[in-house]
Protein backbone atom coordinates (compact mmCIF):
# COMPACT_ATOMS: atom_id res chain seq x y z
CA UNK A 1 -99.15 0.91 -6.27
CA UNK A 2 -100.41 -0.70 -9.51
CA UNK A 3 -103.25 -3.25 -9.17
CA UNK A 4 -105.12 -4.56 -12.20
CA UNK A 5 -107.66 -6.49 -10.33
CA UNK A 6 -109.62 -5.97 -7.01
CA UNK A 7 -109.18 -8.03 -3.87
CA UNK A 8 -111.87 -10.30 -2.47
CA UNK A 9 -113.04 -9.76 1.14
CA UNK A 10 -114.93 -12.65 2.72
CA UNK A 11 -117.65 -11.87 5.26
CA UNK A 12 -116.38 -14.18 8.01
CA UNK A 13 -118.85 -15.02 10.74
CA UNK A 14 -121.61 -12.40 10.25
CA UNK A 15 -122.56 -12.56 13.96
CA UNK A 16 -119.18 -11.17 14.69
CA UNK A 17 -117.57 -7.80 13.88
CA UNK A 18 -116.80 -8.44 10.29
CA UNK A 19 -119.92 -6.80 8.78
CA UNK A 20 -119.57 -3.64 10.90
CA UNK A 21 -115.75 -3.25 10.14
CA UNK A 22 -116.40 -3.23 6.36
CA UNK A 23 -119.19 -0.79 6.82
CA UNK A 24 -116.98 1.54 8.81
CA UNK A 25 -114.19 1.23 6.12
CA UNK A 26 -116.54 2.13 3.42
CA UNK A 27 -117.89 5.01 5.38
CA UNK A 28 -114.34 6.46 5.54
CA UNK A 29 -112.83 5.06 2.24
CA UNK A 30 -109.65 7.09 2.26
CA UNK A 31 -107.01 5.31 0.08
CA UNK A 32 -108.63 1.99 0.18
CA UNK A 33 -107.40 -0.46 -2.43
CA UNK A 34 -110.36 -1.81 -4.75
CA UNK A 35 -112.07 -4.77 -3.26
CA UNK A 36 -115.37 -6.73 -3.41
CA UNK A 37 -117.15 -8.09 -0.37
CA UNK A 38 -118.58 -11.59 -0.58
CA UNK A 39 -121.46 -12.14 1.87
CA UNK A 40 -125.14 -11.45 2.61
CA UNK A 41 -125.88 -7.69 2.41
CA UNK A 42 -128.79 -8.12 4.87
CA UNK A 43 -126.18 -8.71 7.58
CA UNK A 44 -124.50 -5.25 7.01
CA UNK A 45 -125.40 -2.61 9.51
CA UNK A 46 -128.41 -0.47 8.70
CA UNK A 47 -127.68 2.43 6.35
CA UNK A 48 -124.67 0.80 4.73
CA UNK A 49 -124.46 1.94 1.11
CA UNK A 50 -123.83 -1.19 -1.05
CA UNK A 51 -124.32 -2.31 -4.68
CA UNK A 52 -124.50 -5.77 -6.08
CA UNK A 53 -121.88 -6.78 -8.72
CA UNK A 54 -121.79 -9.99 -10.88
CA UNK A 55 -117.94 -9.87 -11.49
CA UNK A 56 -115.15 -8.50 -9.24
CA UNK A 57 -113.94 -6.15 -11.99
CA UNK A 58 -117.06 -4.14 -11.53
CA UNK A 59 -115.77 -3.02 -8.25
CA UNK A 60 -113.69 -0.40 -10.03
CA UNK A 61 -116.67 1.39 -11.24
CA UNK A 62 -118.51 1.64 -7.91
CA UNK A 63 -118.40 5.11 -6.46
CA UNK A 64 -116.35 5.79 -3.21
CA UNK A 65 -118.48 5.24 -0.13
CA UNK A 66 -120.41 2.30 -1.64
CA UNK A 67 -119.54 -1.25 -0.99
CA UNK A 68 -119.29 -3.61 -3.93
CA UNK A 69 -120.95 -6.84 -2.91
CA UNK A 70 -121.05 -10.32 -4.53
CA UNK A 71 -124.27 -11.47 -2.74
CA UNK A 72 -124.11 -14.80 -1.04
CA UNK A 73 -127.48 -15.35 0.65
CA UNK A 74 -127.40 -16.93 4.16
CA UNK A 75 -130.10 -19.27 5.48
CA UNK A 76 -130.41 -17.48 8.73
CA UNK A 77 -130.26 -14.01 10.32
CA UNK A 78 -127.03 -12.96 12.04
CA UNK A 79 -127.79 -10.92 15.07
CA UNK A 80 -124.56 -9.47 16.59
CA UNK A 81 -122.90 -11.68 19.12
CA UNK A 82 -125.08 -14.75 18.41
CA UNK A 83 -123.55 -17.15 15.94
CA UNK A 84 -126.00 -19.52 14.34
CA UNK A 85 -124.88 -23.08 13.36
CA UNK A 86 -127.24 -22.88 10.40
CA UNK A 87 -124.91 -20.19 8.81
CA UNK A 88 -121.83 -22.27 9.16
CA UNK A 89 -121.84 -23.91 5.65
CA UNK A 90 -122.36 -20.60 3.95
CA UNK A 91 -119.48 -18.95 5.90
CA UNK A 92 -117.28 -21.67 4.47
CA UNK A 93 -118.86 -21.21 1.02
CA UNK A 94 -117.88 -17.52 1.07
CA UNK A 95 -114.09 -18.79 1.63
CA UNK A 96 -114.54 -21.19 -1.16
CA UNK A 97 -115.82 -18.66 -3.57
CA UNK A 98 -112.95 -16.19 -2.78
CA UNK A 99 -110.37 -18.85 -3.37
CA UNK A 100 -111.97 -19.83 -6.64
CA UNK A 101 -111.88 -16.36 -7.70
CA UNK A 102 -108.14 -16.04 -6.77
CA UNK A 103 -107.23 -19.24 -8.52
CA UNK A 104 -109.01 -18.21 -11.63
CA UNK A 105 -107.19 -14.86 -11.67
CA UNK A 106 -110.27 -12.81 -11.25
CA UNK A 107 -109.14 -11.15 -8.09
CA UNK A 108 -105.49 -10.18 -7.03
CA UNK A 109 -105.71 -11.91 -3.69
CA UNK A 110 -108.12 -12.44 -0.76
CA UNK A 111 -108.61 -10.93 2.59
CA UNK A 112 -110.58 -12.97 5.23
CA UNK A 113 -112.72 -11.65 8.01
CA UNK A 114 -112.64 -13.71 11.15
CA UNK A 115 -114.29 -16.96 11.65
CA UNK A 116 -115.17 -18.94 14.67
CA UNK A 117 -113.97 -22.54 14.52
CA UNK A 118 -116.29 -23.85 17.22
CA UNK A 119 -119.38 -22.42 15.40
CA UNK A 120 -118.24 -24.00 12.16
CA UNK A 121 -117.65 -27.36 13.86
CA UNK A 122 -121.09 -27.22 15.42
CA UNK A 123 -122.87 -26.22 12.22
CA UNK A 124 -120.96 -27.85 9.44
CA UNK A 125 -118.46 -30.39 10.88
CA UNK A 126 -115.55 -28.24 10.02
CA UNK A 127 -112.43 -30.47 10.54
CA UNK A 128 -109.58 -27.79 10.18
CA UNK A 129 -107.82 -25.97 13.15
CA UNK A 130 -108.51 -22.66 11.38
CA UNK A 131 -108.52 -20.52 8.27
CA UNK A 132 -104.82 -21.17 7.46
CA UNK A 133 -105.12 -24.90 7.34
CA UNK A 134 -108.35 -24.89 5.40
CA UNK A 135 -106.86 -22.52 2.79
CA UNK A 136 -103.93 -24.90 2.45
CA UNK A 137 -106.33 -27.70 1.85
CA UNK A 138 -108.18 -25.66 -0.82
CA UNK A 139 -104.94 -25.03 -2.56
CA UNK A 140 -104.00 -28.66 -2.81
CA UNK A 141 -102.72 -29.34 0.62
CA UNK A 142 -99.60 -27.21 0.06
CA UNK A 143 -97.19 -26.52 3.02
CA UNK A 144 -97.85 -23.13 4.60
CA UNK A 145 -96.69 -20.93 7.27
CA UNK A 146 -98.38 -18.04 9.28
CA UNK A 147 -96.75 -14.83 9.27
CA UNK A 148 -97.82 -11.90 11.59
CA UNK A 149 -96.67 -8.51 10.56
CA UNK A 150 -97.02 -4.89 11.72
CA UNK A 151 -94.85 -1.87 11.22
CA UNK A 152 -91.29 -2.85 12.15
CA UNK A 153 -91.87 -6.53 12.96
CA UNK A 154 -92.59 -9.76 11.13
CA UNK A 155 -92.92 -13.13 13.12
CA UNK A 156 -93.58 -16.65 11.88
CA UNK A 157 -94.37 -19.38 14.53
CA UNK A 158 -92.96 -22.77 13.49
CA UNK A 159 -95.77 -24.40 15.46
CA UNK A 160 -99.26 -22.74 15.59
CA UNK A 161 -102.52 -23.99 17.22
CA UNK A 162 -101.28 -26.80 19.48
CA UNK A 163 -100.90 -27.04 23.36
CA UNK A 164 -97.71 -25.65 24.74
CA UNK A 165 -96.75 -29.17 26.10
CA UNK A 166 -96.81 -30.61 22.54
CA UNK A 167 -94.43 -28.02 21.07
CA UNK A 168 -91.01 -29.91 21.77
CA UNK A 169 -92.50 -33.01 20.19
CA UNK A 170 -93.92 -31.15 17.13
CA UNK A 171 -90.71 -29.34 16.39
CA UNK A 172 -88.78 -31.23 13.79
CA UNK A 173 -85.80 -30.40 11.45
CA UNK A 174 -88.04 -30.93 8.43
CA UNK A 175 -90.91 -28.76 9.74
CA UNK A 176 -88.62 -26.00 11.01
CA UNK A 177 -86.63 -25.87 7.76
CA UNK A 178 -89.95 -25.75 5.79
CA UNK A 179 -91.08 -22.73 7.85
CA UNK A 180 -87.71 -20.92 7.30
CA UNK A 181 -87.69 -21.39 3.63
CA UNK A 182 -91.28 -20.34 3.21
CA UNK A 183 -90.49 -17.18 5.09
CA UNK A 184 -87.31 -16.39 3.04
CA UNK A 185 -89.29 -16.97 -0.23
CA UNK A 186 -92.07 -14.65 0.94
CA UNK A 187 -89.68 -11.87 2.05
CA UNK A 188 -88.11 -11.89 -1.44
CA UNK A 189 -91.31 -12.22 -3.41
CA UNK A 190 -93.79 -10.16 -1.58
CA UNK A 191 -91.76 -7.73 0.46
CA UNK A 192 -89.00 -6.97 -2.10
CA UNK A 193 -86.01 -7.97 0.04
CA UNK A 194 -83.33 -9.60 -2.15
CA UNK A 195 -81.31 -10.98 0.82
CA UNK A 196 -83.78 -11.13 3.90
CA UNK A 197 -82.18 -11.28 7.29
CA UNK A 198 -83.89 -14.05 9.40
CA UNK A 199 -83.56 -14.47 13.10
CA UNK A 200 -84.46 -17.66 14.81
CA UNK A 201 -85.56 -17.77 18.41
CA UNK A 202 -84.52 -20.51 20.83
CA UNK A 203 -87.16 -22.85 22.36
CA UNK A 204 -85.95 -22.60 25.95
CA UNK A 205 -85.04 -19.73 28.23
CA UNK A 206 -81.76 -18.06 27.27
CA UNK A 207 -81.84 -20.24 24.13
CA UNK A 208 -81.02 -23.24 26.35
CA UNK A 209 -77.82 -21.66 27.90
CA UNK A 210 -75.46 -24.26 26.55
CA UNK A 211 -77.77 -27.21 27.30
CA UNK A 212 -78.47 -26.35 30.98
CA UNK A 213 -82.08 -25.29 30.23
CA UNK A 214 -82.87 -27.68 27.40
CA UNK A 215 -81.03 -29.26 24.53
CA UNK A 216 -83.39 -28.51 21.64
CA UNK A 217 -81.09 -25.56 20.56
CA UNK A 218 -78.07 -27.94 20.39
CA UNK A 219 -79.55 -30.99 18.85
CA UNK A 220 -82.01 -29.34 16.41
CA UNK A 221 -82.14 -25.69 15.91
CA UNK A 222 -78.44 -24.73 15.73
CA UNK A 223 -77.36 -27.36 13.30
CA UNK A 224 -80.18 -26.58 10.88
CA UNK A 225 -79.13 -22.85 11.00
CA UNK A 226 -75.54 -23.74 10.26
CA UNK A 227 -76.69 -25.75 7.19
CA UNK A 228 -78.86 -23.01 5.91
CA UNK A 229 -76.20 -20.38 6.45
CA UNK A 230 -73.67 -22.55 4.66
CA UNK A 231 -76.18 -22.61 1.70
CA UNK A 232 -76.13 -18.75 1.48
CA UNK A 233 -79.12 -17.78 3.67
CA UNK A 234 -78.60 -14.67 5.95
CA UNK A 235 -79.84 -16.35 9.22
CA UNK A 236 -78.83 -16.13 12.76
CA UNK A 237 -79.62 -17.96 16.00
CA UNK A 238 -80.81 -19.69 18.00
CA UNK A 239 -81.21 -16.45 19.97
CA UNK A 240 -82.85 -15.82 23.37
CA UNK A 241 -86.43 -14.80 22.72
CA UNK A 242 -86.49 -12.33 25.58
CA UNK A 243 -83.95 -10.11 23.86
CA UNK A 244 -85.19 -10.34 20.20
CA UNK A 245 -87.89 -7.78 20.28
CA UNK A 246 -86.68 -4.53 21.68
CA UNK A 247 -86.18 -1.77 19.02
CA UNK A 248 -82.53 -2.23 18.44
CA UNK A 249 -82.87 -5.99 18.00
CA UNK A 250 -85.76 -5.54 15.62
CA UNK A 251 -83.66 -3.39 13.41
CA UNK A 252 -81.19 -6.20 12.86
CA UNK A 253 -83.54 -8.61 11.15
CA UNK A 254 -86.50 -8.72 8.55
CA UNK A 255 -88.41 -11.63 10.24
CA UNK A 256 -88.20 -13.76 13.39
CA UNK A 257 -88.81 -17.48 13.34
CA UNK A 258 -90.47 -18.28 16.73
CA UNK A 259 -90.86 -21.86 18.12
CA UNK A 260 -94.50 -21.51 19.24
CA UNK A 261 -97.63 -19.38 18.97
CA UNK A 262 -97.29 -16.93 21.91
CA UNK A 263 -93.62 -16.52 21.56
CA UNK A 264 -94.49 -14.93 18.18
CA UNK A 265 -97.81 -13.17 18.90
CA UNK A 266 -97.19 -11.62 22.31
CA UNK A 267 -94.51 -9.16 21.03
CA UNK A 268 -96.39 -8.36 17.94
CA UNK A 269 -99.61 -7.66 19.69
CA UNK A 270 -97.78 -5.70 22.36
CA UNK A 271 -96.18 -3.43 19.65
CA UNK A 272 -99.29 -3.02 17.47
CA UNK A 273 -102.29 -4.63 18.89
CA UNK A 274 -104.78 -2.99 16.49
CA UNK A 275 -102.85 -3.06 13.29
CA UNK A 276 -101.39 -6.50 13.01
CA UNK A 277 -101.96 -8.58 9.87
CA UNK A 278 -102.07 -12.35 9.43
CA UNK A 279 -100.44 -13.48 6.23
CA UNK A 280 -100.40 -17.04 4.91
CA UNK A 281 -97.12 -18.02 3.29
CA UNK A 282 -96.81 -20.80 0.73
CA UNK A 283 -100.25 -20.47 -0.92
CA UNK A 284 -100.44 -20.07 -4.71
CA UNK A 285 -102.56 -16.93 -4.09
CA UNK A 286 -102.27 -13.94 -1.70
CA UNK A 287 -104.17 -14.15 1.55
CA UNK A 288 -104.16 -11.78 4.40
CA UNK A 289 -106.47 -11.30 7.40
CA UNK A 290 -106.87 -8.98 10.36
CA UNK A 291 -105.10 -10.29 13.41
CA UNK A 292 -108.14 -10.57 15.74
CA UNK A 293 -111.15 -12.73 16.12
CA UNK A 294 -114.98 -12.45 15.74
CA UNK A 295 -115.15 -10.35 19.05
CA UNK A 296 -118.75 -11.51 19.77
CA UNK A 297 -118.73 -9.54 23.05
CA UNK A 298 -118.50 -6.21 21.25
CA UNK A 299 -120.25 -7.08 17.96
CA UNK A 300 -123.01 -4.55 16.99
CA UNK A 301 -121.99 -1.91 19.47
CA UNK A 302 -120.11 0.23 16.83
CA UNK A 303 -116.87 0.20 18.73
CA UNK A 304 -114.79 -2.33 16.91
CA UNK A 305 -111.62 -0.86 15.49
CA UNK A 306 -111.15 -1.44 11.70
CA UNK A 307 -107.33 -0.69 11.67
CA UNK A 308 -106.27 -4.30 11.32
CA UNK A 309 -108.81 -4.91 8.50
CA UNK A 310 -107.61 -1.84 6.73
CA UNK A 311 -103.98 -2.85 7.29
CA UNK A 312 -104.81 -6.32 5.84
CA UNK A 313 -106.32 -4.86 2.70
CA UNK A 314 -103.33 -2.56 2.16
CA UNK A 315 -100.92 -5.38 2.85
CA UNK A 316 -102.68 -7.67 0.26
CA UNK A 317 -102.68 -4.84 -2.22
CA UNK A 318 -99.08 -4.12 -1.81
CA UNK A 319 -98.20 -7.80 -2.18
CA UNK A 320 -100.33 -8.01 -5.36
CA UNK A 321 -98.66 -4.91 -6.90
CA UNK A 322 -95.25 -6.20 -6.15
CA UNK A 323 -96.07 -9.61 -7.80
CA UNK A 324 -97.56 -7.79 -10.80
CA UNK A 325 -94.52 -5.57 -11.16
CA UNK A 326 -92.04 -8.52 -11.06
CA UNK A 327 -94.16 -10.60 -13.55
């Protein structure tokens, strides 16, 4: 792996498990890629070794076991499990700073610790459904998709944070094609797959079973797949979702396009609950995130598992190295 620049890791909501996760990683820094943490060091667990840096490049010179920090003072304390609306604007500012560093080429990409949308809405009038949509806005309102990845499985939901009842209305040919093309481009650029194999799940049970259980497969999904296949894409479907995720089926494709949030996330979290990574496709910079939330209920107890954050750092570093080598 060859990285010329470190990653930026945002603090997320400091009342969640983000600060203790990064502290646990630094205490056991085996094979971590270089990164700089953006946040308030007073929110780190007592005893965490850290050192302030003015520029991300200085992270390479910080000794193992010490956290390189670009300090961002918060207006209020952050007792574990008790989010304070007074801190909402600064949580957002940490994301803004990381994106600015990435767009300026000063970091190789960003990894974001979890935020809580309700807390940001209450404290800062946050108007975005989540991290993904806000990052797309910061990048110039570019089209994006959300990939969830673990060892042996990559899934991309065509619709994300909407009620299940709205999914059939939100599924459009344009939107589904955009998701598929973003997925294919990312598999080529960031995962080194020259001809990625993409499977597409059906919306309905048994992929509609010839229209007896729904017609979206016939009217929308199958015609689009036929067009994309005729254009040279290695794509199959629509396939019944209940037979897409056993080991033999997973070996036949490099990513699965799912029709809604839980269709994608349930199999991934069942296979690897602790190690899944959230990747935003379509941004002009690399962004990954652990596939979990703020976990207020266990914050401060020292039991949070850093596996997903570690995986997110390694995934971002791998993507950055591949882009650097291809450039």
